[in-house]
Amino acid sequence: MMKIESRPLALLELFAEMKRPLSLTEVSRGLGAPVSTCFNLLRSLESGGFLYNVGGRRHVYPTRKIFDVARVIVAYEPWTERFGPQLDRLRDLTGETAILGTWQGNQVVYLAVLEGPKTIRYTAQAGDLKPLHSSAIGKALLTRLDPPRREKLIDQLSLDAKTPATITDRAALLDDLDRSATEGVAVTRGENVADVMAIAMPFRLDLGDYAIAVAGPMPRMLDAQDSHRAHLGQICAQIEGGR
């Protein structure tokens, strides 16, 4: 059963999925939680001004207060001022999706995703969690660890196959990470999403370790990989240099 503390966020995701006002019964069904629990959750959010009644008390929907609170939070997010303009520039230079990510336990969390302008492109969302071993950003972050720490962490990971191309052998993965550390850039070729190639480069600031990736369809990425690597190097140098 879903943890109590996660239900408010799951409720917001349910509204985003359904895209309409919901009844108590629909909320209960969507969250997989008892009606009594959902009733208390809705009343609490209503009293805080986050939900309002639609059509009497039969259905509820979020108010714009949620948007207003989120907008303030995003405005003061640590990466916004330092990384935002560079991510925009990277997307424009490459024509592909630019992604900023960092550690989230033994996973990667996407902090920002700026999708490329082309119709066929890699799509993702901020907040997405990705495996360390199969994502370009994950591999890039792993290269920031010294070899003994890297090996110890790899031993703790479940090297699940996300696609047929995922590296699931420990020794092969460590070899791949050694090459990436030497080159200063990590690459995935259909290892996390089939037919998608990503190139990522790590960097370190006082805020911690981060990595930026460029991702797109394999054929386009292969043709432009040298220029993408050059652009990534320029952008990461600008960020670390505070420009």
Protein backbone atom coordinates (compact mmCIF):
# COMPACT_ATOMS: atom_id res chain seq x y z
CA MET A 1 0.00 0.00 0.00
CA MET A 2 1.17 3.52 -0.76
CA LYS A 3 2.91 5.32 2.10
CA ILE A 4 0.84 8.07 3.71
CA GLU A 5 3.46 10.75 3.14
CA SER A 6 3.54 10.05 -0.61
CA ARG A 7 -0.21 10.33 -1.20
CA PRO A 8 -0.46 14.13 -1.68
CA LEU A 9 2.11 13.99 -4.48
CA ALA A 10 0.49 10.91 -5.98
CA LEU A 11 -2.82 12.77 -5.92
CA LEU A 12 -1.35 15.63 -7.96
CA GLU A 13 0.04 13.15 -10.45
CA LEU A 14 -3.40 11.54 -10.66
CA PHE A 15 -5.00 14.88 -11.55
CA ALA A 16 -2.31 15.44 -14.16
CA GLU A 17 -3.01 12.04 -15.64
CA MET A 18 -6.81 12.30 -15.63
CA LYS A 19 -6.96 16.02 -16.60
CA ARG A 20 -10.40 16.59 -15.03
CA PRO A 21 -12.12 16.97 -11.66
CA LEU A 22 -12.32 13.74 -9.66
CA SER A 23 -14.77 12.29 -7.19
CA LEU A 24 -13.78 10.77 -3.86
CA THR A 25 -14.39 7.30 -5.26
CA GLU A 26 -12.16 7.99 -8.26
CA VAL A 27 -9.40 9.33 -6.03
CA SER A 28 -9.63 6.26 -3.82
CA ARG A 29 -9.44 3.98 -6.85
CA GLY A 30 -6.63 5.93 -8.47
CA LEU A 31 -4.47 5.99 -5.34
CA GLY A 32 -5.34 2.48 -4.26
CA ALA A 33 -6.16 3.83 -0.79
CA PRO A 34 -9.23 3.52 1.48
CA VAL A 35 -12.07 5.99 0.95
CA SER A 36 -11.75 7.23 4.53
CA THR A 37 -8.05 7.99 4.07
CA CYS A 38 -8.68 9.82 0.80
CA PHE A 39 -11.54 11.79 2.36
CA ASN A 40 -9.19 13.12 5.05
CA LEU A 41 -6.53 13.87 2.44
CA LEU A 42 -8.94 15.87 0.27
CA ARG A 43 -10.33 17.80 3.23
CA SER A 44 -6.82 18.71 4.37
CA LEU A 45 -5.84 20.00 0.93
CA GLU A 46 -9.13 21.87 0.59
CA SER A 47 -8.58 23.61 3.92
CA GLY A 48 -5.15 24.74 2.70
CA GLY A 49 -6.61 26.18 -0.48
CA PHE A 50 -5.00 23.60 -2.77
CA LEU A 51 -8.27 21.99 -3.90
CA TYR A 52 -11.74 23.37 -4.58
CA ASN A 53 -15.16 21.81 -5.03
CA VAL A 54 -16.53 21.48 -8.53
CA GLY A 55 -20.28 20.97 -8.85
CA GLY A 56 -21.12 21.09 -5.17
CA ARG A 57 -19.07 18.64 -3.10
CA ARG A 58 -19.10 15.76 -5.56
CA HIS A 59 -15.83 16.50 -7.36
CA VAL A 60 -12.60 18.37 -6.59
CA TYR A 61 -9.81 19.89 -8.64
CA PRO A 62 -6.51 21.64 -7.78
CA THR A 63 -6.43 25.43 -7.53
CA ARG A 64 -3.72 27.61 -9.05
CA LYS A 65 -2.15 27.87 -5.61
CA ILE A 66 -0.24 24.71 -6.45
CA PHE A 67 1.12 26.36 -9.60
CA ASP A 68 2.01 29.56 -7.74
CA VAL A 69 3.88 27.68 -5.01
CA ALA A 70 5.72 25.54 -7.56
CA ARG A 71 6.68 28.61 -9.60
CA VAL A 72 8.35 30.20 -6.58
CA ILE A 73 10.15 26.97 -5.75
CA VAL A 74 11.46 26.65 -9.30
CA ALA A 75 12.58 30.28 -9.36
CA TYR A 76 14.91 29.65 -6.42
CA GLU A 77 16.10 26.20 -7.44
CA PRO A 78 19.92 26.11 -7.03
CA TRP A 79 20.67 25.18 -10.65
CA THR A 80 18.40 27.74 -12.33
CA GLU A 81 20.65 30.79 -12.34
CA ARG A 82 23.93 28.96 -12.92
CA PHE A 83 22.87 26.27 -15.37
CA GLY A 84 19.72 27.49 -17.10
CA PRO A 85 21.24 29.70 -19.83
CA GLN A 86 23.92 27.12 -20.62
CA LEU A 87 21.34 24.35 -21.03
CA ASP A 88 19.37 26.57 -23.40
CA ARG A 89 22.52 27.21 -25.40
CA LEU A 90 23.46 23.52 -25.51
CA ARG A 91 20.03 22.58 -26.85
CA ASP A 92 20.23 25.32 -29.48
CA LEU A 93 23.77 24.38 -30.53
CA THR A 94 23.06 20.66 -30.87
CA GLY A 95 19.40 20.67 -31.87
CA GLU A 96 18.95 17.76 -29.45
CA THR A 97 17.53 17.33 -25.95
CA ALA A 98 19.74 18.74 -23.18
CA ILE A 99 19.52 17.22 -19.71
CA LEU A 100 20.92 18.17 -16.32
CA GLY A 101 21.12 15.46 -13.66
CA THR A 102 22.72 14.55 -10.38
CA TRP A 103 22.85 11.78 -7.76
CA GLN A 104 19.67 10.61 -6.05
CA GLY A 105 20.90 7.80 -3.82
CA ASN A 106 21.95 5.01 -6.16
CA GLN A 107 20.07 6.53 -9.07
CA VAL A 108 20.11 9.60 -11.29
CA VAL A 109 17.49 12.30 -10.99
CA TYR A 110 16.86 14.63 -13.91
CA LEU A 111 16.80 18.22 -12.65
CA ALA A 112 16.03 19.84 -15.98
CA VAL A 113 15.10 18.58 -19.44
CA LEU A 114 15.08 20.91 -22.44
CA GLU A 115 13.73 18.92 -25.36
CA GLY A 116 15.14 19.51 -28.80
CA PRO A 117 13.10 21.24 -31.51
CA LYS A 118 12.91 18.31 -33.92
CA THR A 119 9.74 16.23 -34.25
CA ILE A 120 11.58 12.99 -33.52
CA ARG A 121 13.55 13.58 -30.33
CA TYR A 122 14.35 12.14 -26.93
CA THR A 123 11.66 13.04 -24.41
CA ALA A 124 11.85 12.98 -20.62
CA GLN A 125 10.75 15.04 -17.63
CA ALA A 126 12.42 16.75 -14.72
CA GLY A 127 12.15 14.44 -11.74
CA ASP A 128 12.60 11.26 -13.78
CA LEU A 129 14.79 8.69 -12.04
CA LYS A 130 17.25 6.71 -14.14
CA PRO A 131 19.68 3.87 -13.37
CA LEU A 132 23.32 4.75 -12.88
CA HIS A 133 24.61 1.88 -15.02
CA SER A 134 22.49 2.40 -18.15
CA SER A 135 22.14 6.19 -18.40
CA ALA A 136 24.80 8.52 -19.80
CA ILE A 137 24.44 10.90 -16.87
CA GLY A 138 24.73 8.00 -14.44
CA LYS A 139 27.90 6.78 -16.08
CA ALA A 140 29.33 10.30 -16.12
CA LEU A 141 28.67 10.67 -12.40
CA LEU A 142 30.27 7.30 -11.71
CA THR A 143 33.47 8.49 -13.40
CA ARG A 144 33.81 11.14 -10.66
CA LEU A 145 34.46 8.39 -8.12
CA ASP A 146 37.91 6.96 -7.63
CA PRO A 147 38.17 3.34 -8.89
CA PRO A 148 37.81 1.59 -5.49
CA ARG A 149 34.68 3.59 -4.60
CA ARG A 150 33.32 3.04 -8.09
CA GLU A 151 33.80 -0.72 -7.85
CA LYS A 152 32.18 -0.83 -4.42
CA LEU A 153 29.13 1.09 -5.65
CA ILE A 154 28.78 -1.09 -8.76
CA ASP A 155 28.70 -4.12 -6.47
CA GLN A 156 25.64 -2.61 -4.77
CA LEU A 157 23.71 -1.99 -7.97
CA SER A 158 21.24 -4.29 -9.63
CA LEU A 159 22.51 -4.21 -13.20
CA ASP A 160 19.12 -4.80 -14.78
CA ALA A 161 18.78 -4.85 -18.56
CA LYS A 162 16.74 -1.82 -19.62
CA THR A 163 17.23 -2.77 -23.27
CA PRO A 164 19.09 -5.57 -25.06
CA ALA A 165 22.08 -3.21 -25.32
CA THR A 166 22.37 -2.51 -21.57
CA ILE A 167 25.72 -3.49 -20.08
CA THR A 168 24.82 -5.93 -17.29
CA ASP A 169 28.20 -7.57 -16.79
CA ARG A 170 30.12 -6.00 -13.89
CA ALA A 171 33.58 -6.32 -15.48
CA ALA A 172 32.38 -4.95 -18.82
CA LEU A 173 30.71 -2.01 -17.09
CA LEU A 174 33.84 -1.17 -15.11
CA ASP A 175 35.91 -1.28 -18.31
CA ASP A 176 33.42 1.05 -19.98
CA LEU A 177 33.59 3.44 -17.03
CA ASP A 178 37.39 3.40 -17.06
CA ARG A 179 37.36 4.44 -20.71
CA SER A 180 34.78 7.12 -19.97
CA ALA A 181 36.86 8.49 -17.11
CA THR A 182 39.92 8.66 -19.36
CA GLU A 183 38.00 10.42 -22.15
CA GLY A 184 36.10 12.70 -19.78
CA VAL A 185 32.78 11.83 -21.40
CA ALA A 186 30.27 8.98 -21.02
CA VAL A 187 28.23 7.53 -23.87
CA THR A 188 25.21 5.23 -24.07
CA ARG A 189 24.08 3.68 -27.31
CA GLY A 190 20.59 2.34 -26.85
CA GLU A 191 21.43 1.12 -23.34
CA ASN A 192 18.70 3.01 -21.48
CA VAL A 193 16.20 3.64 -24.27
CA ALA A 194 16.36 1.64 -27.48
CA ASP A 195 17.61 3.58 -30.52
CA VAL A 196 18.59 6.58 -28.36
CA MET A 197 22.17 7.71 -27.98
CA ALA A 198 23.32 10.05 -25.23
CA ILE A 199 26.61 11.76 -24.49
CA ALA A 200 27.23 13.13 -21.00
CA MET A 201 29.96 15.07 -19.27
CA PRO A 202 30.34 15.52 -15.49
CA PHE A 203 31.36 18.61 -13.60
CA ARG A 204 31.74 19.59 -9.97
CA LEU A 205 30.69 22.73 -8.14
CA ASP A 206 30.28 23.67 -4.51
CA LEU A 207 26.70 22.42 -4.87
CA GLY A 208 27.96 18.91 -5.66
CA ASP A 209 28.49 16.64 -8.64
CA TYR A 210 26.36 17.08 -11.75
CA ALA A 211 26.37 15.93 -15.34
CA ILE A 212 24.90 17.33 -18.54
CA ALA A 213 23.84 15.13 -21.42
CA VAL A 214 22.80 15.54 -25.02
CA ALA A 215 20.39 12.83 -26.16
CA GLY A 216 18.65 12.02 -29.42
CA PRO A 217 17.97 9.38 -32.07
CA MET A 218 20.96 7.15 -32.72
CA PRO A 219 21.62 7.99 -36.40
CA ARG A 220 21.61 11.76 -35.83
CA MET A 221 23.72 11.49 -32.70
CA LEU A 222 26.30 9.26 -34.38
CA ASP A 223 26.69 11.70 -37.26
CA ALA A 224 27.22 14.69 -34.95
CA GLN A 225 28.88 13.10 -31.92
CA ASP A 226 32.21 14.93 -32.32
CA SER A 227 30.56 18.36 -32.38
CA HIS A 228 28.25 17.38 -29.52
CA ARG A 229 31.26 16.43 -27.40
CA ALA A 230 32.90 19.75 -28.19
CA HIS A 231 29.77 21.69 -27.27
CA LEU A 232 29.42 19.74 -24.01
CA GLY A 233 33.01 20.55 -23.11
CA GLN A 234 32.45 24.25 -23.75
CA ILE A 235 29.24 24.37 -21.72
CA CYS A 236 30.67 22.49 -18.73
CA ALA A 237 33.77 24.71 -18.73
CA GLN A 238 31.56 27.81 -18.74
CA ILE A 239 29.51 26.48 -15.81
CA GLU A 240 32.57 25.58 -13.75
CA GLY A 241 34.07 28.95 -14.62
CA GLY A 242 30.95 30.75 -13.42
CA ARG A 243 30.06 32.25 -16.79
